[in-house]
Amino acid sequence: MQNFPDVLIVDDEPHILKTMGICFEDLGYQVTICSDPVRALNLIKTKSFDLAFVDLKMKPVDGMQILRAILDEAPQTTVIIITAHGSIDSAVEAIKKGAYHYLQKPFDYEELQIFARKVLEYHNLKREVVDLREKVREMALPGNIITQHSKMHEMVDLAERVAETNLSVLIEGESGTGKELFAQLIHQKSGRSDKPLVKVNCAAIPENLLESELFGHVKGAFTGAVKDRKGRFEMAHQATIFLDEIAEMSPGLQAKLLRILQQGEYEKLGENISRKVDVRVIAATNRNLEEAIKEGVFREDLFYRLNAVRIKLLPLRDRPEDILPLIQFFMRKYAKTEQVQISPQALKIMQRYRWSGNVRELENVVQRAVLLARKGQIEANDLPEEVSAATGQPDQKLSLEEMEILHIKKILQLSPDLNEAARLLGIDPATLWRKRKKYNL
């Protein structure tokens, strides 16, 4: 059933009331007209309105007094001040005190309808923000995972169900989709939660050091190995290890990881003694491992060992309904003691943006905007230029590499998925993956 907006018009000029009433009724709005400002004060206490158009110059109660009353009694109502040309300064003062905008007499019928639609769009966005702020705490799933998308709810349910098992888990998803959050959730819900989750980013550690980092080494194993060192698997004994960006692991290390998964055994670097370890492995990747297998850079037998349970996380562009609750969550996280709002214009920009960096990029943008926000409200100019002008043209001289970054970001914004982006760029998906990794896109 369609909800028609309720509009209050307060003006002591009968022809203004009649014209505006007919105009808004033609738009399908429910209209209440009032020529007595004293009666208007009682109306706002007894009935809820979406929009209120209030004349500035009235007696014995003026528009500023009605504005204050609405802000006190019905702050959810969006107020527009009606003013004559000579009262513009007073109308601007009313905006500073809480009115959304002003409407100047005389006005054209069609222009008034266009103006009313824009005001209603603003009002609906404002109401959506308020409603979701109230619901966002209820929306939080275990592990601070914020989502309204049914597929993501299914993945959370799957993570909770496999947590109590010792099965290996493979979490797939683009950078910034929350793979580490899901790994933490699985560990927290498991019987190993009394011990820490040991995390390793396989792409962040140079290949020649990763073996020692994972399996440890003995004194003298290589130049600089002046004493024995525990590896991450030894630290994760009877606990859980999270191997992020598993596709970056060399074939030799993949073979050693396969041995741990099959036999629960490994050897430290520089010794030939097999050691037993009881560890639950959660691996994550932002690459398509089937493609990596075809390219010969990832072992098929390791893939099937890791893939006992597979959790696939959606990119943020495929779950746009999560953008607003995530914004609210991060605003509350970074505002701390101060309550910060977001303007409908800034919200509209963020909802249009495609978030190639997913939730991590959104979090960074919100954190920055909260720090820059004045008077507790995030405005459009508090957003980074690449967000507010994602499809704009650069106005500065750029290097070839900067132009490539800008062009890839633009194609990522326009494309429904990474395969289509690669096609539009004229490169294969693996090359696009490497460029996104290189430029942190």
Protein backbone atom coordinates (compact mmCIF):
# COMPACT_ATOMS: atom_id res chain seq x y z
CA MET A 1 0.00 0.00 0.00
CA GLN A 2 1.40 3.40 -1.03
CA ASN A 3 2.02 5.95 1.71
CA PHE A 4 1.16 9.52 0.75
CA PRO A 5 3.17 12.24 2.46
CA ASP A 6 1.36 14.48 4.93
CA VAL A 7 1.99 18.17 4.30
CA LEU A 8 1.12 21.14 6.52
CA ILE A 9 0.86 24.62 4.97
CA VAL A 10 0.72 27.59 7.35
CA ASP A 11 0.14 31.02 5.80
CA ASP A 12 -2.20 33.91 6.58
CA GLU A 13 -2.79 34.68 2.87
CA PRO A 14 -5.79 32.64 1.60
CA HIS A 15 -4.70 32.65 -2.07
CA ILE A 16 -1.27 31.24 -1.12
CA LEU A 17 -2.93 28.45 0.87
CA LYS A 18 -5.30 27.63 -1.98
CA THR A 19 -2.59 27.60 -4.69
CA MET A 20 -0.17 25.48 -2.68
CA GLY A 21 -2.95 23.13 -1.56
CA ILE A 22 -4.05 22.42 -5.14
CA CYS A 23 -0.43 22.06 -6.28
CA PHE A 24 0.45 19.46 -3.63
CA GLU A 25 -2.82 17.57 -3.98
CA ASP A 26 -2.04 17.20 -7.70
CA LEU A 27 1.19 15.45 -6.59
CA GLY A 28 -0.83 13.03 -4.46
CA TYR A 29 0.13 14.58 -1.11
CA GLN A 30 -2.23 14.67 1.87
CA VAL A 31 -2.58 18.41 2.56
CA THR A 32 -3.62 20.29 5.71
CA ILE A 33 -3.94 24.08 5.29
CA CYS A 34 -3.97 26.51 8.17
CA SER A 35 -4.38 30.32 8.06
CA ASP A 36 -4.14 30.74 11.85
CA PRO A 37 -0.60 30.34 13.23
CA VAL A 38 -1.92 29.81 16.78
CA ARG A 39 -4.02 26.87 15.56
CA ALA A 40 -0.92 25.56 13.74
CA LEU A 41 0.88 25.27 17.08
CA ASN A 42 -1.87 22.90 18.26
CA LEU A 43 -1.89 20.94 14.99
CA ILE A 44 1.78 20.00 15.23
CA LYS A 45 1.14 18.58 18.72
CA THR A 46 -1.77 16.40 17.61
CA LYS A 47 -0.81 15.22 14.12
CA SER A 48 2.39 13.98 12.48
CA PHE A 49 3.51 15.72 9.29
CA ASP A 50 6.26 14.86 6.83
CA LEU A 51 6.66 18.37 5.46
CA ALA A 52 5.65 21.78 6.82
CA PHE A 53 5.63 24.92 4.66
CA VAL A 54 5.51 27.87 7.08
CA ASP A 55 5.21 31.56 6.23
CA LEU A 56 7.83 33.69 7.93
CA LYS A 57 5.77 36.88 8.52
CA MET A 58 2.57 36.16 10.48
CA LYS A 59 0.86 37.51 13.59
CA PRO A 60 0.47 36.96 16.52
CA VAL A 61 2.88 34.01 16.04
CA ASP A 62 5.57 34.24 13.36
CA GLY A 63 7.26 31.51 11.32
CA MET A 64 10.36 31.39 13.53
CA GLN A 65 8.23 30.54 16.56
CA ILE A 66 6.44 27.78 14.64
CA LEU A 67 9.81 26.46 13.44
CA ARG A 68 11.05 26.25 17.05
CA ALA A 69 7.83 24.50 18.09
CA ILE A 70 8.17 21.92 15.29
CA LEU A 71 11.82 21.25 16.17
CA ASP A 72 10.74 20.66 19.80
CA GLU A 73 7.50 18.75 19.22
CA ALA A 74 8.09 16.99 15.89
CA PRO A 75 11.77 17.03 14.85
CA GLN A 76 11.06 14.37 12.21
CA THR A 77 9.12 16.99 10.20
CA THR A 78 11.05 18.79 7.45
CA VAL A 79 10.35 22.53 7.58
CA ILE A 80 10.43 24.93 4.62
CA ILE A 81 10.10 28.65 5.27
CA ILE A 82 7.89 30.71 2.92
CA THR A 83 9.27 34.18 2.47
CA ALA A 84 8.92 37.36 0.40
CA HIS A 85 11.93 38.90 -1.34
CA GLY A 86 12.57 41.41 1.45
CA SER A 87 12.82 38.70 4.12
CA ILE A 88 15.57 36.53 2.59
CA ASP A 89 18.02 37.28 5.40
CA SER A 90 15.49 36.10 7.98
CA ALA A 91 14.84 32.95 5.94
CA VAL A 92 18.57 32.18 5.86
CA GLU A 93 18.65 32.63 9.64
CA ALA A 94 15.77 30.13 9.87
CA ILE A 95 17.85 27.59 7.90
CA LYS A 96 20.69 28.06 10.37
CA LYS A 97 18.23 27.29 13.16
CA GLY A 98 16.90 24.08 11.62
CA ALA A 99 14.71 24.75 8.57
CA TYR A 100 15.67 22.74 5.48
CA HIS A 101 15.18 25.49 2.90
CA TYR A 102 13.09 28.51 1.99
CA LEU A 103 10.49 29.12 -0.72
CA GLN A 104 10.33 32.63 -2.14
CA LYS A 105 7.07 34.31 -3.16
CA PRO A 106 5.81 34.59 -5.82
CA PHE A 107 6.35 31.09 -7.21
CA ASP A 108 5.51 29.28 -10.44
CA TYR A 109 3.14 26.29 -10.21
CA GLU A 110 5.45 23.81 -11.99
CA GLU A 111 8.53 25.08 -10.18
CA LEU A 112 6.70 24.61 -6.89
CA GLN A 113 5.96 20.97 -7.76
CA ILE A 114 9.61 20.35 -8.70
CA PHE A 115 10.71 22.00 -5.47
CA ALA A 116 8.24 19.90 -3.43
CA ARG A 117 9.51 16.65 -4.99
CA LYS A 118 13.10 17.56 -4.09
CA VAL A 119 12.10 18.40 -0.54
CA LEU A 120 10.26 15.09 -0.20
CA GLU A 121 13.30 13.20 -1.56
CA TYR A 122 15.45 14.91 1.09
CA HIS A 123 12.86 14.09 3.78
CA ASN A 124 12.71 10.42 2.81
CA LEU A 125 16.50 10.11 2.86
CA LYS A 126 16.61 11.81 6.26
CA ARG A 127 13.96 9.43 7.59
CA GLU A 128 15.83 6.43 6.17
CA VAL A 129 18.98 7.56 7.98
CA VAL A 130 17.11 7.95 11.27
CA ASP A 131 15.29 4.62 10.94
CA LEU A 132 18.47 2.70 10.17
CA ARG A 133 20.41 4.40 12.97
CA GLU A 134 17.83 2.98 15.36
CA LYS A 135 17.96 -0.48 13.79
CA VAL A 136 21.70 -0.83 13.18
CA ARG A 137 22.39 -2.38 16.60
CA GLU A 138 19.77 -5.04 15.93
CA MET A 139 21.27 -5.57 12.48
CA ALA A 140 24.71 -6.52 13.78
CA LEU A 141 25.27 -10.24 13.39
CA PRO A 142 27.81 -12.22 15.44
CA GLY A 143 31.34 -10.87 15.06
CA ASN A 144 30.17 -7.32 14.24
CA ILE A 145 29.19 -8.40 10.73
CA ILE A 146 26.70 -5.83 9.42
CA THR A 147 24.49 -6.99 6.57
CA GLN A 148 20.89 -7.17 5.42
CA HIS A 149 21.62 -9.34 2.38
CA SER A 150 20.17 -12.86 2.47
CA LYS A 151 23.27 -14.49 0.91
CA MET A 152 25.53 -12.89 3.51
CA HIS A 153 23.18 -14.11 6.24
CA GLU A 154 23.54 -17.60 4.77
CA MET A 155 27.34 -17.30 4.92
CA VAL A 156 27.20 -16.19 8.58
CA ASP A 157 24.96 -19.16 9.36
CA LEU A 158 27.37 -21.50 7.55
CA ALA A 159 30.34 -20.05 9.45
CA GLU A 160 28.60 -20.63 12.79
CA ARG A 161 27.63 -24.20 11.86
CA VAL A 162 31.16 -25.24 10.84
CA ALA A 163 32.85 -23.43 13.74
CA GLU A 164 32.53 -26.39 16.14
CA THR A 165 34.10 -28.78 13.63
CA ASN A 166 37.79 -29.09 12.77
CA LEU A 167 37.17 -28.76 9.05
CA SER A 168 39.40 -26.45 7.04
CA VAL A 169 37.59 -23.39 5.71
CA LEU A 170 38.27 -21.43 2.52
CA ILE A 171 36.91 -17.86 2.53
CA GLU A 172 36.70 -16.22 -0.89
CA GLY A 173 36.01 -12.58 -1.57
CA GLU A 174 37.45 -9.39 -2.96
CA SER A 175 39.77 -7.29 -0.82
CA GLY A 176 37.85 -5.48 1.90
CA THR A 177 34.76 -7.74 1.98
CA GLY A 178 35.34 -8.94 5.56
CA LYS A 179 37.21 -12.24 5.21
CA GLU A 180 39.13 -11.69 8.45
CA LEU A 181 35.89 -10.91 10.32
CA PHE A 182 34.50 -14.29 9.23
CA ALA A 183 37.72 -16.03 10.29
CA GLN A 184 37.43 -14.39 13.72
CA LEU A 185 33.78 -15.43 13.97
CA ILE A 186 34.62 -19.07 13.21
CA HIS A 187 37.42 -19.07 15.77
CA GLN A 188 35.31 -17.37 18.46
CA LYS A 189 32.51 -19.90 18.03
CA SER A 190 34.87 -22.89 18.07
CA GLY A 191 36.18 -25.02 20.90
CA ARG A 192 39.58 -23.40 20.36
CA SER A 193 38.43 -19.88 21.28
CA ASP A 194 40.33 -19.91 24.60
CA LYS A 195 43.52 -19.53 22.54
CA PRO A 196 44.35 -16.64 20.19
CA LEU A 197 43.64 -16.66 16.47
CA VAL A 198 47.07 -16.64 14.77
CA LYS A 199 46.99 -14.48 11.61
CA VAL A 200 49.41 -14.53 8.68
CA ASN A 201 49.14 -12.38 5.56
CA CYS A 202 51.01 -14.45 3.00
CA ALA A 203 51.33 -11.50 0.60
CA ALA A 204 52.79 -9.13 3.19
CA ILE A 205 55.83 -11.29 4.02
CA PRO A 206 58.66 -11.73 1.48
CA GLU A 207 58.74 -15.24 0.00
CA ASN A 208 62.20 -16.01 1.40
CA LEU A 209 61.00 -15.20 4.94
CA LEU A 210 57.52 -16.74 4.81
CA GLU A 211 58.73 -20.31 5.33
CA SER A 212 60.53 -19.33 8.55
CA GLU A 213 57.53 -17.26 9.63
CA LEU A 214 55.14 -20.18 9.17
CA PHE A 215 57.25 -23.13 10.31
CA GLY A 216 60.01 -21.58 12.39
CA HIS A 217 63.74 -22.23 12.15
CA VAL A 218 66.65 -23.53 14.21
CA LYS A 219 69.84 -21.68 15.02
CA GLY A 220 72.16 -21.56 12.01
CA ALA A 221 69.46 -22.47 9.48
CA PHE A 222 70.47 -19.44 7.42
CA THR A 223 72.56 -16.30 7.74
CA GLY A 224 71.17 -14.25 10.60
CA ALA A 225 69.43 -17.19 12.33
CA VAL A 226 71.24 -16.68 15.64
CA LYS A 227 68.71 -18.60 17.71
CA ASP A 228 65.78 -21.00 17.40
CA ARG A 229 62.50 -19.38 16.47
CA LYS A 230 58.92 -20.59 16.79
CA GLY A 231 56.80 -20.52 13.65
CA ARG A 232 53.16 -19.45 13.45
CA PHE A 233 51.95 -23.06 13.18
CA GLU A 234 53.69 -23.92 16.44
CA MET A 235 52.09 -20.85 18.05
CA ALA A 236 48.71 -22.00 16.75
CA HIS A 237 48.95 -25.51 18.29
CA GLN A 238 45.45 -26.47 19.54
CA ALA A 239 44.19 -23.16 18.16
CA THR A 240 43.36 -21.68 14.73
CA ILE A 241 45.60 -20.19 12.07
CA PHE A 242 44.26 -17.74 9.51
CA LEU A 243 46.23 -17.69 6.26
CA ASP A 244 45.19 -14.61 4.31
CA GLU A 245 45.97 -14.28 0.58
CA ILE A 246 46.81 -17.98 0.39
CA ALA A 247 47.23 -17.77 -3.39
CA GLU A 248 50.47 -15.82 -2.86
CA MET A 249 52.16 -18.84 -1.27
CA SER A 250 54.94 -20.42 -3.36
CA PRO A 251 54.53 -24.03 -4.67
CA GLY A 252 57.15 -25.29 -2.20
CA LEU A 253 55.30 -23.81 0.79
CA GLN A 254 52.01 -25.09 -0.61
CA ALA A 255 53.46 -28.62 -0.43
CA LYS A 256 54.44 -28.11 3.23
CA LEU A 257 50.99 -26.75 4.06
CA LEU A 258 49.41 -29.77 2.34
CA ARG A 259 51.49 -32.05 4.59
CA ILE A 260 50.15 -30.28 7.70
CA LEU A 261 46.58 -30.63 6.47
CA GLN A 262 47.02 -34.33 5.58
CA GLN A 263 49.29 -35.58 8.36
CA GLY A 264 49.48 -32.82 10.97
CA GLU A 265 53.28 -32.72 10.57
CA TYR A 266 55.89 -30.14 9.62
CA GLU A 267 59.62 -29.49 9.92
CA LYS A 268 61.36 -26.35 11.06
CA LEU A 269 63.70 -24.68 8.61
CA GLY A 270 67.20 -26.13 9.07
CA GLU A 271 66.25 -29.42 10.76
CA ASN A 272 64.94 -32.79 9.64
CA ILE A 273 62.84 -33.66 12.68
CA SER A 274 59.11 -34.00 12.04
CA ARG A 275 56.93 -32.20 14.55
CA LYS A 276 53.26 -32.83 15.23
CA VAL A 277 50.80 -29.97 15.37
CA ASP A 278 47.07 -29.78 16.04
CA VAL A 279 45.82 -26.72 14.20
CA ARG A 280 42.64 -25.65 12.47
CA VAL A 281 43.33 -23.87 9.17
CA ILE A 282 41.21 -21.06 7.78
CA ALA A 283 42.48 -19.73 4.46
CA ALA A 284 41.33 -16.70 2.53
CA THR A 285 41.88 -15.44 -0.98
CA ASN A 286 40.75 -12.59 -3.21
CA ARG A 287 41.76 -14.58 -6.29
CA ASN A 288 39.82 -17.19 -8.20
CA LEU A 289 41.73 -20.33 -7.17
CA GLU A 290 40.29 -22.40 -10.02
CA GLU A 291 41.90 -19.90 -12.41
CA ALA A 292 45.15 -20.04 -10.39
CA ILE A 293 45.11 -23.85 -10.74
CA LYS A 294 44.68 -23.55 -14.52
CA GLU A 295 47.62 -21.11 -14.58
CA GLY A 296 49.72 -23.67 -12.70
CA VAL A 297 50.42 -21.41 -9.71
CA PHE A 298 48.22 -23.21 -7.17
CA ARG A 299 48.09 -26.91 -6.29
CA GLU A 300 44.82 -28.62 -7.06
CA ASP A 301 45.22 -31.14 -4.19
CA LEU A 302 45.80 -28.28 -1.71
CA PHE A 303 42.73 -26.49 -3.03
CA TYR A 304 40.53 -29.52 -2.31
CA ARG A 305 42.04 -29.91 1.17
CA LEU A 306 41.39 -26.26 2.01
CA ASN A 307 38.00 -26.32 0.39
CA ALA A 308 36.31 -28.62 2.92
CA VAL A 309 33.95 -25.70 3.60
CA ARG A 310 33.77 -22.75 1.21
CA ILE A 311 32.44 -19.33 2.24
CA LYS A 312 31.96 -16.84 -0.60
CA LEU A 313 31.56 -13.18 0.37
CA LEU A 314 29.75 -10.76 -1.90
CA PRO A 315 31.34 -7.45 -2.94
CA LEU A 316 29.63 -4.37 -1.55
CA ARG A 317 28.38 -3.35 -5.02
CA ASP A 318 26.22 -6.51 -5.03
CA ARG A 319 24.60 -5.65 -1.70
CA PRO A 320 23.80 -1.92 -1.89
CA GLU A 321 21.26 -2.26 0.91
CA ASP A 322 24.22 -2.68 3.30
CA ILE A 323 25.81 0.70 2.52
CA LEU A 324 23.65 2.82 4.84
CA PRO A 325 23.78 0.50 7.88
CA LEU A 326 27.56 0.19 7.44
CA ILE A 327 27.87 3.99 7.29
CA GLN A 328 25.87 4.26 10.51
CA PHE A 329 27.96 1.56 12.18
CA PHE A 330 31.26 3.22 11.28
CA MET A 331 30.01 6.71 12.19
CA ARG A 332 29.17 5.43 15.66
CA LYS A 333 32.51 3.63 15.87
CA TYR A 334 34.65 6.66 15.00
CA ALA A 335 32.53 9.46 16.44
CA LYS A 336 32.89 7.86 19.90
CA THR A 337 31.29 10.30 22.35
CA GLU A 338 29.87 12.73 19.76
CA GLN A 339 26.81 11.83 17.70
CA VAL A 340 27.48 12.49 14.01
CA GLN A 341 24.84 12.72 11.28
CA ILE A 342 25.21 12.46 7.51
CA SER A 343 23.52 14.85 5.12
CA PRO A 344 21.18 13.36 2.50
CA GLN A 345 23.39 14.78 -0.27
CA ALA A 346 26.51 13.05 1.11
CA LEU A 347 24.52 9.85 1.61
CA LYS A 348 23.25 9.94 -1.97
CA ILE A 349 26.83 10.26 -3.27
CA MET A 350 28.00 7.32 -1.15
CA GLN A 351 25.08 5.17 -2.27
CA ARG A 352 25.91 5.85 -5.93
CA TYR A 353 29.61 5.04 -5.52
CA ARG A 354 30.54 1.42 -6.40
CA TRP A 355 33.13 0.84 -3.63
CA SER A 356 35.77 -1.14 -5.52
CA GLY A 357 37.62 -1.42 -2.18
CA ASN A 358 34.44 -2.76 -0.55
CA VAL A 359 33.73 -2.40 3.19
CA ARG A 360 37.34 -1.50 4.01
CA GLU A 361 37.22 1.47 1.61
CA LEU A 362 33.84 2.54 3.00
CA GLU A 363 35.19 2.40 6.55
CA ASN A 364 38.21 4.54 5.63
CA VAL A 365 35.98 7.13 3.92
CA VAL A 366 33.62 7.33 6.91
CA GLN A 367 36.51 7.61 9.37
CA ARG A 368 37.96 10.51 7.37
CA ALA A 369 34.56 12.19 7.00
CA VAL A 370 33.83 11.96 10.73
CA LEU A 371 37.12 13.74 11.48
CA LEU A 372 36.37 16.48 8.93
CA ALA A 373 32.67 16.92 9.76
CA ARG A 374 31.66 20.30 11.14
CA LYS A 375 28.83 20.76 13.64
CA GLY A 376 28.32 17.01 13.83
CA GLN A 377 27.21 16.48 10.22
CA ILE A 378 29.04 14.88 7.29
CA GLU A 379 28.57 16.96 4.13
CA ALA A 380 29.41 16.14 0.52
CA ASN A 381 32.63 18.18 0.66
CA ASP A 382 33.87 16.00 3.55
CA LEU A 383 34.11 13.04 1.15
CA PRO A 384 37.28 12.24 -0.83
CA GLU A 385 37.36 13.60 -4.37
CA GLU A 386 37.40 10.11 -5.90
CA VAL A 387 34.11 9.34 -4.16
CA SER A 388 32.28 12.62 -4.79
CA ALA A 389 33.49 12.80 -8.41
CA ALA A 390 33.97 9.14 -9.32
CA THR A 391 32.94 9.65 -12.95
CA GLY A 392 34.44 13.12 -13.38
CA GLN A 393 37.42 14.08 -15.50
CA PRO A 394 40.76 14.95 -13.88
CA ASP A 395 41.56 18.67 -13.93
CA GLN A 396 45.25 18.27 -13.10
CA LYS A 397 48.23 16.94 -15.03
CA LEU A 398 48.74 13.26 -14.24
CA SER A 399 51.51 10.77 -14.87
CA LEU A 400 50.87 7.73 -17.08
CA GLU A 401 50.59 5.54 -13.97
CA GLU A 402 48.14 7.95 -12.30
CA MET A 403 46.05 7.97 -15.48
CA GLU A 404 46.03 4.16 -15.50
CA ILE A 405 44.88 4.09 -11.85
CA LEU A 406 42.13 6.62 -12.58
CA HIS A 407 40.97 4.73 -15.68
CA ILE A 408 40.89 1.35 -13.90
CA LYS A 409 38.93 2.88 -11.01
CA LYS A 410 36.44 4.39 -13.45
CA ILE A 411 35.95 1.08 -15.29
CA LEU A 412 35.52 -0.72 -11.95
CA GLN A 413 32.80 1.82 -11.11
CA LEU A 414 30.97 1.20 -14.38
CA SER A 415 31.31 -2.60 -14.61
CA PRO A 416 28.92 -5.10 -13.02
CA ASP A 417 31.79 -7.48 -12.16
CA LEU A 418 35.55 -7.92 -12.47
CA ASN A 419 35.35 -10.11 -15.60
CA GLU A 420 33.41 -7.40 -17.42
CA ALA A 421 35.89 -4.78 -16.16
CA ALA A 422 38.77 -6.83 -17.56
CA ARG A 423 36.95 -7.17 -20.89
CA LEU A 424 36.35 -3.40 -21.12
CA LEU A 425 39.99 -2.72 -20.25
CA GLY A 426 41.15 -5.21 -22.89
CA ILE A 427 43.15 -7.33 -20.42
CA ASP A 428 42.64 -10.78 -18.91
CA PRO A 429 41.19 -11.11 -15.35
CA ALA A 430 44.55 -12.22 -13.93
CA THR A 431 46.23 -9.04 -15.20
CA LEU A 432 43.45 -6.94 -13.72
CA TRP A 433 43.89 -8.77 -10.41
CA ARG A 434 47.63 -7.95 -10.43
CA LYS A 435 46.99 -4.29 -11.25
CA ARG A 436 44.36 -3.98 -8.50
CA LYS A 437 46.87 -5.51 -6.08
CA LYS A 438 49.67 -3.21 -7.28
CA TYR A 439 47.56 -0.06 -6.99
CA ASN A 440 45.59 -1.22 -3.91
CA LEU A 441 42.25 -0.84 -5.72
